[in-house]
Amino acid sequence: MSERAAPFYCPYCGDEDLRPSEQGHGAWECGACNRAFQLKFLGLLARGFQPNDGGGDEI
């Protein structure tokens, strides 16, 4: 397994000045807007992966 993914930008201000928080796993701090947030994986969706049926582009 590879390393966990890190966020590329703050979900509040969009800045990239992020660093891991001391609060624990998945917690990040933004140096630009001085906010802390946490990322959490909730699980897989029940419907799973459904390949495109080839009937055109879907949005």
Protein backbone atom coordinates (compact mmCIF):
# COMPACT_ATOMS: atom_id res chain seq x y z
CA MET A 1 0.00 0.00 0.00
CA SER A 2 1.15 3.52 -0.68
CA GLU A 3 1.23 6.56 1.58
CA ARG A 4 -2.00 8.35 2.39
CA ALA A 5 -2.97 11.17 0.07
CA ALA A 6 -2.64 14.73 1.31
CA PRO A 7 -4.97 17.57 0.35
CA PHE A 8 -3.64 19.91 -2.33
CA TYR A 9 -5.48 23.01 -1.12
CA CYS A 10 -7.58 24.34 1.76
CA PRO A 11 -11.31 23.63 1.30
CA TYR A 12 -12.12 27.05 2.82
CA CYS A 13 -9.78 29.53 1.14
CA GLY A 14 -8.12 27.48 -1.61
CA ASP A 15 -4.57 28.26 -0.49
CA GLU A 16 -1.85 25.59 -0.63
CA ASP A 17 -0.11 26.49 2.68
CA LEU A 18 -1.14 23.28 4.49
CA ARG A 19 0.59 21.28 7.18
CA PRO A 20 -0.44 18.25 9.26
CA SER A 21 -2.14 19.15 12.53
CA GLU A 22 -1.11 17.87 15.94
CA GLN A 23 -4.76 16.89 16.52
CA GLY A 24 -4.24 13.49 14.93
CA HIS A 25 -4.68 11.42 11.81
CA GLY A 26 -6.31 13.24 8.90
CA ALA A 27 -6.21 16.67 10.53
CA TRP A 28 -4.68 19.60 8.64
CA GLU A 29 -4.01 23.28 9.32
CA CYS A 30 -4.07 26.10 6.77
CA GLY A 31 -1.48 28.80 7.31
CA ALA A 32 -3.31 31.28 5.07
CA CYS A 33 -6.76 31.39 6.71
CA ASN A 34 -5.75 29.90 10.10
CA ARG A 35 -8.40 27.16 9.93
CA ALA A 36 -8.09 23.50 10.87
CA PHE A 37 -10.00 20.72 9.15
CA GLN A 38 -10.06 16.95 9.07
CA LEU A 39 -10.29 14.52 6.17
CA LYS A 40 -12.10 11.24 6.66
CA PHE A 41 -12.77 8.31 4.34
CA LEU A 42 -16.40 7.30 4.78
CA GLY A 43 -16.43 4.09 2.74
CA LEU A 44 -17.39 2.74 -0.65
CA LEU A 45 -20.74 3.44 -2.26
CA ALA A 46 -23.19 0.55 -2.41
CA ARG A 47 -23.62 0.82 -6.18
CA GLY A 48 -19.89 0.26 -6.78
CA PHE A 49 -18.21 0.82 -10.12
CA GLN A 50 -20.50 1.00 -13.15
CA PRO A 51 -18.70 1.22 -16.49
CA ASN A 52 -20.02 3.59 -19.14
CA ASP A 53 -22.42 1.83 -21.51
CA GLY A 54 -20.89 3.61 -24.53
CA GLY A 55 -24.08 5.54 -25.26
CA GLY A 56 -22.39 8.94 -25.27
CA ASP A 57 -20.78 11.30 -22.83
CA GLU A 58 -22.40 11.51 -19.43
CA ILE A 59 -21.85 14.37 -17.05
